[in-house]
Amino acid sequence: MSVQKKTKTCPSCEGRMRRGIREQEVSFQRHVLKYSQPGWWCKSCDEGILEGEDNEVHDAALHEVMARAKKSPLSPLLIRIAREAVGVSQREAGRVFGGGPTAFYKYETARSIPSASMANLLRLALQRPDLFAKPAQNDFRLPTPKDIALLHKTAMTDRLDVLMRRVYPDVVA
């Protein structure tokens, strides 16, 4: 069983550092975000050391404030949560949702912001990740009866209804 050290020596003043959480601020283009930063903190000189997952917290906060400054319609953390809810990598998300192989890396690091329509699609993925299940490679299937029933239910005009009945006469009642 691994036991985490409770203290370590501060590299700046040789005082004692302890694990803890401190309120920090990160800013980008006059936008400021306060967040809770885990790390090693020295009570003597106020220095801090971030290790491993500590850096992920800082990076996430920075990406969030960058997205705010760029007026992103969706937070980078929500984008990542939507992608992970669907169960795809960043590269795979570019295929599932569109945008190309590096789009989600850019969205999640606030290097670029998603369009309003992409943001709406990702909100839908947060609510219904099952709708975006990754299909098997080269798996093309005709619409299922469930898909056709959904299309029929949402057909807005008689013309579309007639079209659905003619294309799928065995399925549409």
N, C-alpha and C. Protein backbone atom coordinates (compact mmCIF):
# COMPACT_ATOMS: atom_id res chain seq x y z
N MET A 1 0.85 -1.18 0.00
CA MET A 1 0.00 0.00 0.00
C MET A 1 0.89 1.24 0.00
N SER A 2 0.60 2.16 -0.90
CA SER A 2 1.38 3.38 -1.02
C SER A 2 0.88 4.43 -0.04
N VAL A 3 1.79 5.01 0.70
CA VAL A 3 1.45 6.06 1.64
C VAL A 3 2.02 7.36 1.11
N GLN A 4 1.13 8.33 0.89
CA GLN A 4 1.57 9.63 0.38
C GLN A 4 2.26 10.41 1.49
N LYS A 5 3.38 11.06 1.14
CA LYS A 5 4.08 11.89 2.12
C LYS A 5 3.17 13.04 2.55
N LYS A 6 3.25 13.38 3.84
CA LYS A 6 2.42 14.45 4.35
C LYS A 6 3.10 15.81 4.22
N THR A 7 4.43 15.79 4.17
CA THR A 7 5.17 17.05 4.03
C THR A 7 6.35 16.82 3.09
N LYS A 8 6.88 17.92 2.59
CA LYS A 8 8.13 17.88 1.83
C LYS A 8 8.85 19.19 2.04
N THR A 9 10.12 19.21 1.71
CA THR A 9 10.94 20.40 1.90
C THR A 9 10.71 21.37 0.75
N CYS A 10 10.52 22.64 1.10
CA CYS A 10 10.32 23.69 0.10
C CYS A 10 11.65 23.97 -0.61
N PRO A 11 11.66 23.94 -1.94
CA PRO A 11 12.91 24.20 -2.65
C PRO A 11 13.35 25.67 -2.58
N SER A 12 12.45 26.57 -2.22
CA SER A 12 12.79 27.99 -2.14
C SER A 12 13.37 28.40 -0.80
N CYS A 13 12.72 27.96 0.30
CA CYS A 13 13.16 28.43 1.62
C CYS A 13 13.53 27.31 2.58
N GLU A 14 13.40 26.07 2.12
CA GLU A 14 13.65 24.88 2.91
C GLU A 14 12.69 24.72 4.08
N GLY A 15 11.56 25.43 4.01
CA GLY A 15 10.50 25.25 5.00
C GLY A 15 9.72 23.98 4.68
N ARG A 16 8.64 23.74 5.42
CA ARG A 16 7.83 22.54 5.24
C ARG A 16 6.65 22.86 4.32
N MET A 17 6.46 21.99 3.34
CA MET A 17 5.32 22.11 2.43
C MET A 17 4.31 21.02 2.78
N ARG A 18 3.04 21.35 2.66
CA ARG A 18 1.97 20.39 2.91
C ARG A 18 1.02 20.37 1.71
N ARG A 19 0.41 19.19 1.48
CA ARG A 19 -0.60 19.07 0.43
C ARG A 19 -1.82 19.85 0.89
N GLY A 20 -2.45 20.50 -0.06
CA GLY A 20 -3.66 21.22 0.26
C GLY A 20 -4.26 21.86 -0.99
N ILE A 21 -5.27 22.63 -0.77
CA ILE A 21 -5.95 23.33 -1.86
C ILE A 21 -5.94 24.81 -1.53
N ARG A 22 -5.56 25.61 -2.53
CA ARG A 22 -5.57 27.06 -2.37
C ARG A 22 -6.41 27.68 -3.47
N GLU A 23 -7.08 28.74 -3.09
CA GLU A 23 -7.83 29.49 -4.09
C GLU A 23 -6.81 30.25 -4.94
N GLN A 24 -6.93 30.12 -6.24
CA GLN A 24 -6.03 30.78 -7.18
C GLN A 24 -6.86 31.54 -8.21
N GLU A 25 -6.21 32.38 -8.96
CA GLU A 25 -6.84 33.11 -10.05
C GLU A 25 -6.01 32.90 -11.31
N VAL A 26 -6.70 32.77 -12.42
CA VAL A 26 -6.04 32.74 -13.70
C VAL A 26 -6.75 33.77 -14.57
N SER A 27 -5.98 34.48 -15.39
CA SER A 27 -6.60 35.52 -16.21
C SER A 27 -6.15 35.40 -17.66
N PHE A 28 -7.01 35.89 -18.54
CA PHE A 28 -6.73 35.92 -19.97
C PHE A 28 -7.56 37.06 -20.55
N GLN A 29 -6.89 38.00 -21.19
CA GLN A 29 -7.55 39.15 -21.83
C GLN A 29 -8.60 39.80 -20.93
N ARG A 30 -8.20 40.19 -19.75
CA ARG A 30 -9.04 40.89 -18.77
C ARG A 30 -10.17 40.03 -18.19
N HIS A 31 -10.19 38.75 -18.51
CA HIS A 31 -11.16 37.84 -17.90
C HIS A 31 -10.42 37.09 -16.79
N VAL A 32 -11.08 36.94 -15.65
CA VAL A 32 -10.45 36.31 -14.49
C VAL A 32 -11.34 35.17 -14.01
N LEU A 33 -10.71 34.07 -13.65
CA LEU A 33 -11.43 32.92 -13.09
C LEU A 33 -10.75 32.53 -11.79
N LYS A 34 -11.52 32.45 -10.71
CA LYS A 34 -11.02 31.95 -9.43
C LYS A 34 -11.35 30.46 -9.37
N TYR A 35 -10.38 29.67 -8.93
CA TYR A 35 -10.58 28.22 -8.86
C TYR A 35 -9.79 27.65 -7.69
N SER A 36 -10.06 26.40 -7.35
CA SER A 36 -9.42 25.71 -6.23
C SER A 36 -8.28 24.86 -6.76
N GLN A 37 -7.04 25.23 -6.43
CA GLN A 37 -5.86 24.57 -6.97
C GLN A 37 -5.24 23.64 -5.94
N PRO A 38 -5.23 22.32 -6.20
CA PRO A 38 -4.50 21.42 -5.31
C PRO A 38 -3.00 21.52 -5.58
N GLY A 39 -2.21 21.23 -4.58
CA GLY A 39 -0.76 21.25 -4.75
C GLY A 39 -0.05 21.16 -3.41
N TRP A 40 1.26 21.33 -3.46
CA TRP A 40 2.08 21.41 -2.26
C TRP A 40 2.30 22.88 -1.96
N TRP A 41 2.02 23.31 -0.74
CA TRP A 41 2.08 24.73 -0.38
C TRP A 41 2.97 24.94 0.84
N CYS A 42 3.85 25.94 0.73
CA CYS A 42 4.75 26.28 1.83
C CYS A 42 4.13 27.41 2.65
N LYS A 43 4.02 27.19 3.94
CA LYS A 43 3.47 28.23 4.81
C LYS A 43 4.48 29.32 5.08
N SER A 44 5.77 28.99 4.98
CA SER A 44 6.81 29.98 5.28
C SER A 44 6.94 31.04 4.19
N CYS A 45 7.08 30.59 2.93
CA CYS A 45 7.34 31.56 1.86
C CYS A 45 6.21 31.67 0.84
N ASP A 46 5.14 30.88 1.03
CA ASP A 46 3.97 30.93 0.16
C ASP A 46 4.19 30.33 -1.24
N GLU A 47 5.30 29.61 -1.42
CA GLU A 47 5.57 28.95 -2.70
C GLU A 47 4.64 27.75 -2.85
N GLY A 48 4.43 27.35 -4.10
CA GLY A 48 3.62 26.17 -4.37
C GLY A 48 4.27 25.31 -5.43
N ILE A 49 4.02 24.01 -5.36
CA ILE A 49 4.50 23.07 -6.36
C ILE A 49 3.30 22.26 -6.83
N LEU A 50 3.13 22.20 -8.15
CA LEU A 50 2.06 21.41 -8.74
C LEU A 50 2.66 20.15 -9.34
N GLU A 51 1.99 19.03 -9.11
CA GLU A 51 2.46 17.75 -9.63
C GLU A 51 1.31 17.03 -10.32
N GLY A 52 1.59 16.34 -11.41
CA GLY A 52 0.63 15.45 -12.06
C GLY A 52 -0.73 16.08 -12.29
N GLU A 53 -1.73 15.52 -11.62
CA GLU A 53 -3.10 15.98 -11.80
C GLU A 53 -3.31 17.42 -11.35
N ASP A 54 -2.42 17.94 -10.50
CA ASP A 54 -2.51 19.35 -10.10
C ASP A 54 -2.43 20.23 -11.34
N ASN A 55 -1.55 19.87 -12.26
CA ASN A 55 -1.38 20.65 -13.49
C ASN A 55 -2.62 20.60 -14.37
N GLU A 56 -3.33 19.46 -14.35
CA GLU A 56 -4.57 19.35 -15.13
C GLU A 56 -5.60 20.37 -14.65
N VAL A 57 -5.66 20.58 -13.33
CA VAL A 57 -6.61 21.55 -12.78
C VAL A 57 -6.26 22.95 -13.26
N HIS A 58 -4.98 23.29 -13.21
CA HIS A 58 -4.55 24.62 -13.67
C HIS A 58 -4.85 24.79 -15.16
N ASP A 59 -4.50 23.79 -15.97
CA ASP A 59 -4.74 23.88 -17.40
C ASP A 59 -6.22 24.00 -17.72
N ALA A 60 -7.06 23.24 -17.02
CA ALA A 60 -8.51 23.31 -17.25
C ALA A 60 -9.03 24.71 -16.93
N ALA A 61 -8.56 25.29 -15.83
CA ALA A 61 -8.99 26.64 -15.47
C ALA A 61 -8.54 27.65 -16.52
N LEU A 62 -7.32 27.51 -17.02
CA LEU A 62 -6.83 28.41 -18.06
C LEU A 62 -7.67 28.28 -19.33
N HIS A 63 -7.98 27.06 -19.73
CA HIS A 63 -8.80 26.86 -20.94
C HIS A 63 -10.20 27.43 -20.76
N GLU A 64 -10.74 27.32 -19.56
CA GLU A 64 -12.07 27.87 -19.30
C GLU A 64 -12.07 29.40 -19.45
N VAL A 65 -11.09 30.05 -18.87
CA VAL A 65 -11.06 31.52 -18.94
C VAL A 65 -10.76 31.98 -20.37
N MET A 66 -9.94 31.23 -21.11
CA MET A 66 -9.68 31.57 -22.51
C MET A 66 -10.97 31.47 -23.33
N ALA A 67 -11.75 30.42 -23.08
CA ALA A 67 -13.01 30.24 -23.80
C ALA A 67 -14.00 31.36 -23.49
N ARG A 68 -14.02 31.79 -22.23
CA ARG A 68 -14.89 32.93 -21.86
C ARG A 68 -14.50 34.18 -22.63
N ALA A 69 -13.20 34.43 -22.68
CA ALA A 69 -12.71 35.63 -23.39
C ALA A 69 -13.05 35.57 -24.87
N LYS A 70 -13.04 34.38 -25.43
CA LYS A 70 -13.35 34.21 -26.85
C LYS A 70 -14.85 34.07 -27.11
N LYS A 71 -15.66 34.18 -26.04
CA LYS A 71 -17.11 34.08 -26.12
C LYS A 71 -17.57 32.74 -26.72
N SER A 72 -16.96 31.67 -26.25
CA SER A 72 -17.33 30.33 -26.70
C SER A 72 -18.76 30.02 -26.27
N PRO A 73 -19.55 29.40 -27.14
CA PRO A 73 -20.92 29.04 -26.75
C PRO A 73 -20.98 27.86 -25.78
N LEU A 74 -19.84 27.19 -25.57
CA LEU A 74 -19.80 26.04 -24.68
C LEU A 74 -18.44 25.97 -24.01
N SER A 75 -18.42 25.61 -22.76
CA SER A 75 -17.20 25.49 -21.97
C SER A 75 -16.34 24.32 -22.46
N PRO A 76 -15.01 24.49 -22.48
CA PRO A 76 -14.14 23.36 -22.84
C PRO A 76 -14.36 22.12 -21.97
N LEU A 77 -14.65 22.32 -20.69
CA LEU A 77 -14.92 21.16 -19.83
C LEU A 77 -16.20 20.45 -20.24
N LEU A 78 -17.23 21.20 -20.60
CA LEU A 78 -18.47 20.56 -21.06
C LEU A 78 -18.25 19.84 -22.38
N ILE A 79 -17.42 20.39 -23.23
CA ILE A 79 -17.11 19.73 -24.50
C ILE A 79 -16.43 18.39 -24.23
N ARG A 80 -15.47 18.40 -23.32
CA ARG A 80 -14.77 17.15 -22.97
C ARG A 80 -15.73 16.15 -22.33
N ILE A 81 -16.59 16.63 -21.45
CA ILE A 81 -17.56 15.74 -20.79
C ILE A 81 -18.49 15.12 -21.83
N ALA A 82 -18.95 15.92 -22.80
CA ALA A 82 -19.84 15.39 -23.85
C ALA A 82 -19.11 14.33 -24.67
N ARG A 83 -17.87 14.62 -25.04
CA ARG A 83 -17.09 13.67 -25.84
C ARG A 83 -16.87 12.38 -25.07
N GLU A 84 -16.50 12.48 -23.79
CA GLU A 84 -16.26 11.28 -22.99
C GLU A 84 -17.55 10.52 -22.70
N ALA A 85 -18.68 11.24 -22.60
CA ALA A 85 -19.97 10.57 -22.40
C ALA A 85 -20.30 9.68 -23.59
N VAL A 86 -19.91 10.11 -24.78
CA VAL A 86 -20.13 9.32 -25.99
C VAL A 86 -19.10 8.19 -26.08
N GLY A 87 -17.96 8.36 -25.42
CA GLY A 87 -16.95 7.32 -25.38
C GLY A 87 -15.99 7.32 -26.55
N VAL A 88 -15.65 8.52 -27.04
CA VAL A 88 -14.75 8.61 -28.18
C VAL A 88 -13.54 9.48 -27.85
N SER A 89 -12.46 9.24 -28.57
CA SER A 89 -11.26 10.06 -28.44
C SER A 89 -11.50 11.40 -29.12
N GLN A 90 -10.57 12.33 -28.96
CA GLN A 90 -10.71 13.61 -29.64
C GLN A 90 -10.75 13.41 -31.15
N ARG A 91 -9.89 12.58 -31.67
CA ARG A 91 -9.85 12.32 -33.12
C ARG A 91 -11.15 11.69 -33.59
N GLU A 92 -11.65 10.70 -32.84
CA GLU A 92 -12.91 10.04 -33.21
C GLU A 92 -14.08 11.02 -33.13
N ALA A 93 -14.05 11.93 -32.16
CA ALA A 93 -15.12 12.93 -32.03
C ALA A 93 -15.19 13.80 -33.29
N GLY A 94 -14.04 14.08 -33.89
CA GLY A 94 -14.03 14.85 -35.13
C GLY A 94 -14.77 14.15 -36.24
N ARG A 95 -14.77 12.81 -36.22
CA ARG A 95 -15.53 12.05 -37.22
C ARG A 95 -17.00 11.94 -36.83
N VAL A 96 -17.28 11.69 -35.55
CA VAL A 96 -18.66 11.50 -35.10
C VAL A 96 -19.46 12.80 -35.19
N PHE A 97 -18.88 13.88 -34.73
CA PHE A 97 -19.59 15.16 -34.68
C PHE A 97 -19.26 16.07 -35.85
N GLY A 98 -18.13 15.81 -36.50
CA GLY A 98 -17.67 16.68 -37.58
C GLY A 98 -16.60 17.63 -37.06
N GLY A 99 -15.94 18.29 -37.97
CA GLY A 99 -14.94 19.27 -37.59
C GLY A 99 -13.51 18.86 -37.90
N GLY A 100 -13.29 17.58 -38.17
CA GLY A 100 -11.95 17.14 -38.53
C GLY A 100 -11.19 16.54 -37.38
N PRO A 101 -10.00 15.99 -37.67
CA PRO A 101 -9.26 15.20 -36.69
C PRO A 101 -8.71 15.99 -35.50
N THR A 102 -8.52 17.29 -35.63
CA THR A 102 -7.97 18.06 -34.50
C THR A 102 -8.97 19.04 -33.89
N ALA A 103 -10.19 19.04 -34.37
CA ALA A 103 -11.19 20.01 -33.88
C ALA A 103 -11.40 19.93 -32.38
N PHE A 104 -11.51 18.72 -31.84
CA PHE A 104 -11.84 18.60 -30.42
C PHE A 104 -10.64 18.92 -29.53
N TYR A 105 -9.45 18.66 -30.00
CA TYR A 105 -8.27 19.12 -29.26
C TYR A 105 -8.33 20.64 -29.15
N LYS A 106 -8.64 21.30 -30.24
CA LYS A 106 -8.70 22.77 -30.25
C LYS A 106 -9.86 23.29 -29.40
N TYR A 107 -11.01 22.63 -29.44
CA TYR A 107 -12.15 23.07 -28.61
C TYR A 107 -11.83 22.90 -27.13
N GLU A 108 -11.24 21.76 -26.76
CA GLU A 108 -11.00 21.45 -25.35
C GLU A 108 -9.85 22.25 -24.75
N THR A 109 -9.02 22.85 -25.60
CA THR A 109 -7.93 23.70 -25.11
C THR A 109 -8.19 25.17 -25.44
N ALA A 110 -9.37 25.48 -25.92
CA ALA A 110 -9.81 26.85 -26.23
C ALA A 110 -8.94 27.52 -27.29
N ARG A 111 -8.27 26.73 -28.10
CA ARG A 111 -7.51 27.30 -29.22
C ARG A 111 -8.48 27.73 -30.32
N SER A 112 -9.64 27.10 -30.34
CA SER A 112 -10.71 27.54 -31.23
C SER A 112 -12.02 27.26 -30.51
N ILE A 113 -13.07 27.90 -30.95
CA ILE A 113 -14.37 27.71 -30.30
C ILE A 113 -15.33 27.03 -31.26
N PRO A 114 -16.22 26.21 -30.73
CA PRO A 114 -17.17 25.53 -31.60
C PRO A 114 -18.24 26.50 -32.09
N SER A 115 -18.80 26.18 -33.24
CA SER A 115 -19.91 26.97 -33.75
C SER A 115 -21.12 26.77 -32.84
N ALA A 116 -22.11 27.62 -32.99
CA ALA A 116 -23.33 27.49 -32.20
C ALA A 116 -24.01 26.15 -32.50
N SER A 117 -24.00 25.73 -33.76
CA SER A 117 -24.64 24.46 -34.10
C SER A 117 -23.87 23.28 -33.50
N MET A 118 -22.54 23.33 -33.48
CA MET A 118 -21.75 22.27 -32.84
C MET A 118 -22.04 22.26 -31.34
N ALA A 119 -22.15 23.42 -30.73
CA ALA A 119 -22.46 23.49 -29.31
C ALA A 119 -23.81 22.84 -29.02
N ASN A 120 -24.80 23.08 -29.88
CA ASN A 120 -26.11 22.45 -29.70
C ASN A 120 -26.02 20.94 -29.85
N LEU A 121 -25.24 20.47 -30.81
CA LEU A 121 -25.05 19.04 -31.00
C LEU A 121 -24.40 18.42 -29.77
N LEU A 122 -23.43 19.10 -29.20
CA LEU A 122 -22.75 18.58 -28.00
C LEU A 122 -23.67 18.62 -26.79
N ARG A 123 -24.55 19.61 -26.70
CA ARG A 123 -25.54 19.62 -25.61
C ARG A 123 -26.47 18.41 -25.72
N LEU A 124 -26.84 18.10 -26.97
CA LEU A 124 -27.66 16.91 -27.20
C LEU A 124 -26.89 15.65 -26.78
N ALA A 125 -25.61 15.60 -27.09
CA ALA A 125 -24.78 14.45 -26.70
C ALA A 125 -24.70 14.32 -25.18
N LEU A 126 -24.72 15.44 -24.46
CA LEU A 126 -24.72 15.38 -23.00
C LEU A 126 -26.02 14.77 -22.49
N GLN A 127 -27.12 15.07 -23.15
CA GLN A 127 -28.42 14.54 -22.73
C GLN A 127 -28.66 13.12 -23.21
N ARG A 128 -28.18 12.81 -24.41
CA ARG A 128 -28.44 11.50 -25.02
C ARG A 128 -27.19 10.94 -25.67
N PRO A 129 -26.18 10.56 -24.90
CA PRO A 129 -24.95 10.04 -25.51
C PRO A 129 -25.18 8.79 -26.36
N ASP A 130 -26.24 8.04 -26.07
CA ASP A 130 -26.53 6.83 -26.84
C ASP A 130 -26.81 7.12 -28.31
N LEU A 131 -27.25 8.33 -28.61
CA LEU A 131 -27.52 8.69 -30.01
C LEU A 131 -26.24 8.81 -30.83
N PHE A 132 -25.11 8.91 -30.17
CA PHE A 132 -23.85 9.14 -30.86
C PHE A 132 -22.88 7.97 -30.71
N ALA A 133 -23.42 6.79 -30.46
CA ALA A 133 -22.57 5.61 -30.32
C ALA A 133 -21.72 5.44 -31.56
N LYS A 134 -20.48 5.11 -31.34
CA LYS A 134 -19.53 4.97 -32.43
C LYS A 134 -19.91 3.73 -33.27
N PRO A 135 -20.19 3.92 -34.57
CA PRO A 135 -20.53 2.77 -35.40
C PRO A 135 -19.28 1.97 -35.75
N ALA A 136 -19.50 0.69 -36.04
CA ALA A 136 -18.38 -0.13 -36.50
C ALA A 136 -17.87 0.44 -37.82
N GLN A 137 -16.59 0.26 -38.07
CA GLN A 137 -15.99 0.79 -39.30
C GLN A 137 -16.69 0.17 -40.51
N ASN A 138 -16.99 1.00 -41.50
CA ASN A 138 -17.67 0.59 -42.73
C ASN A 138 -19.04 -0.03 -42.47
N ASP A 139 -19.68 0.35 -41.37
CA ASP A 139 -20.98 -0.19 -41.02
C ASP A 139 -22.05 0.76 -41.52
N PHE A 140 -22.65 0.42 -42.64
CA PHE A 140 -23.74 1.22 -43.17
C PHE A 140 -25.00 0.38 -43.12
N ARG A 141 -26.02 0.93 -42.52
CA ARG A 141 -27.28 0.21 -42.42
C ARG A 141 -28.40 1.13 -42.84
N LEU A 142 -29.40 0.53 -43.41
CA LEU A 142 -30.60 1.28 -43.74
C LEU A 142 -31.26 1.70 -42.43
N PRO A 143 -32.10 2.70 -42.48
CA PRO A 143 -32.77 3.12 -41.24
C PRO A 143 -33.53 1.96 -40.61
N THR A 144 -33.44 1.91 -39.29
CA THR A 144 -34.17 0.89 -38.54
C THR A 144 -35.64 1.30 -38.47
N PRO A 145 -36.51 0.37 -38.12
CA PRO A 145 -37.93 0.75 -37.94
C PRO A 145 -38.09 1.87 -36.90
N LYS A 146 -37.23 1.86 -35.88
CA LYS A 146 -37.29 2.91 -34.87
C LYS A 146 -36.92 4.27 -35.49
N ASP A 147 -35.88 4.28 -36.35
CA ASP A 147 -35.49 5.52 -37.04
C ASP A 147 -36.62 6.02 -37.93
N ILE A 148 -37.24 5.10 -38.64
CA ILE A 148 -38.31 5.48 -39.56
C ILE A 148 -39.51 5.99 -38.79
N ALA A 149 -39.82 5.35 -37.66
CA ALA A 149 -40.93 5.84 -36.83
C ALA A 149 -40.65 7.26 -36.34
N LEU A 150 -39.39 7.52 -35.97
CA LEU A 150 -39.01 8.86 -35.54
C LEU A 150 -39.15 9.85 -36.69
N LEU A 151 -38.67 9.47 -37.87
CA LEU A 151 -38.82 10.33 -39.05
C LEU A 151 -40.28 10.59 -39.35
N HIS A 152 -41.09 9.54 -39.27
CA HIS A 152 -42.53 9.68 -39.54
C HIS A 152 -43.18 10.62 -38.52
N LYS A 153 -42.83 10.46 -37.29
CA LYS A 153 -43.39 11.29 -36.22
C LYS A 153 -43.05 12.76 -36.42
N THR A 154 -41.88 13.01 -36.94
CA THR A 154 -41.43 14.39 -37.08
C THR A 154 -41.66 14.98 -38.47
N ALA A 155 -42.20 14.19 -39.39
CA ALA A 155 -42.49 14.73 -40.73
C ALA A 155 -43.46 15.90 -40.57
N MET A 156 -43.07 17.04 -41.11
CA MET A 156 -43.82 18.27 -40.87
C MET A 156 -44.92 18.55 -41.89
N THR A 157 -44.88 17.93 -43.04
CA THR A 157 -45.89 18.22 -44.06
C THR A 157 -46.43 16.93 -44.62
N ASP A 158 -47.61 17.03 -45.22
CA ASP A 158 -48.19 15.86 -45.87
C ASP A 158 -47.28 15.35 -46.97
N ARG A 159 -46.61 16.26 -47.67
CA ARG A 159 -45.72 15.86 -48.76
C ARG A 159 -44.60 14.97 -48.24
N LEU A 160 -44.00 15.33 -47.11
CA LEU A 160 -42.96 14.49 -46.53
C LEU A 160 -43.53 13.18 -46.03
N ASP A 161 -44.73 13.24 -45.49
CA ASP A 161 -45.37 12.02 -45.01
C ASP A 161 -45.60 11.05 -46.17
N VAL A 162 -46.08 11.56 -47.30
CA VAL A 162 -46.29 10.73 -48.48
C VAL A 162 -44.96 10.16 -48.97
N LEU A 163 -43.93 11.00 -48.97
CA LEU A 163 -42.61 10.56 -49.40
C LEU A 163 -42.11 9.41 -48.51
N MET A 164 -42.27 9.56 -47.20
CA MET A 164 -41.85 8.50 -46.26
C MET A 164 -42.62 7.21 -46.54
N ARG A 165 -43.91 7.31 -46.75
CA ARG A 165 -44.73 6.11 -47.01
C ARG A 165 -44.32 5.41 -48.29
N ARG A 166 -43.92 6.19 -49.29
CA ARG A 166 -43.53 5.58 -50.56
C ARG A 166 -42.13 4.96 -50.48
N VAL A 167 -41.22 5.58 -49.73
CA VAL A 167 -39.87 5.05 -49.63
C VAL A 167 -39.81 3.84 -48.68
N TYR A 168 -40.60 3.88 -47.61
CA TYR A 168 -40.59 2.78 -46.64
C TYR A 168 -42.02 2.25 -46.44
N PRO A 169 -42.64 1.67 -47.46
CA PRO A 169 -44.04 1.24 -47.34
C PRO A 169 -44.24 0.12 -46.35
N ASP A 170 -43.24 -0.72 -46.13
CA ASP A 170 -43.42 -1.88 -45.22
C ASP A 170 -43.28 -1.50 -43.76
N VAL A 171 -42.69 -0.35 -43.51
CA VAL A 171 -42.42 0.02 -42.13
C VAL A 171 -43.37 1.08 -41.64
N VAL A 172 -43.69 2.06 -42.49
CA VAL A 172 -44.53 3.17 -42.08
C VAL A 172 -45.98 2.76 -42.16
N ALA A 173 -46.69 2.91 -41.05
CA ALA A 173 -48.10 2.52 -41.00
C ALA A 173 -49.00 3.60 -41.56
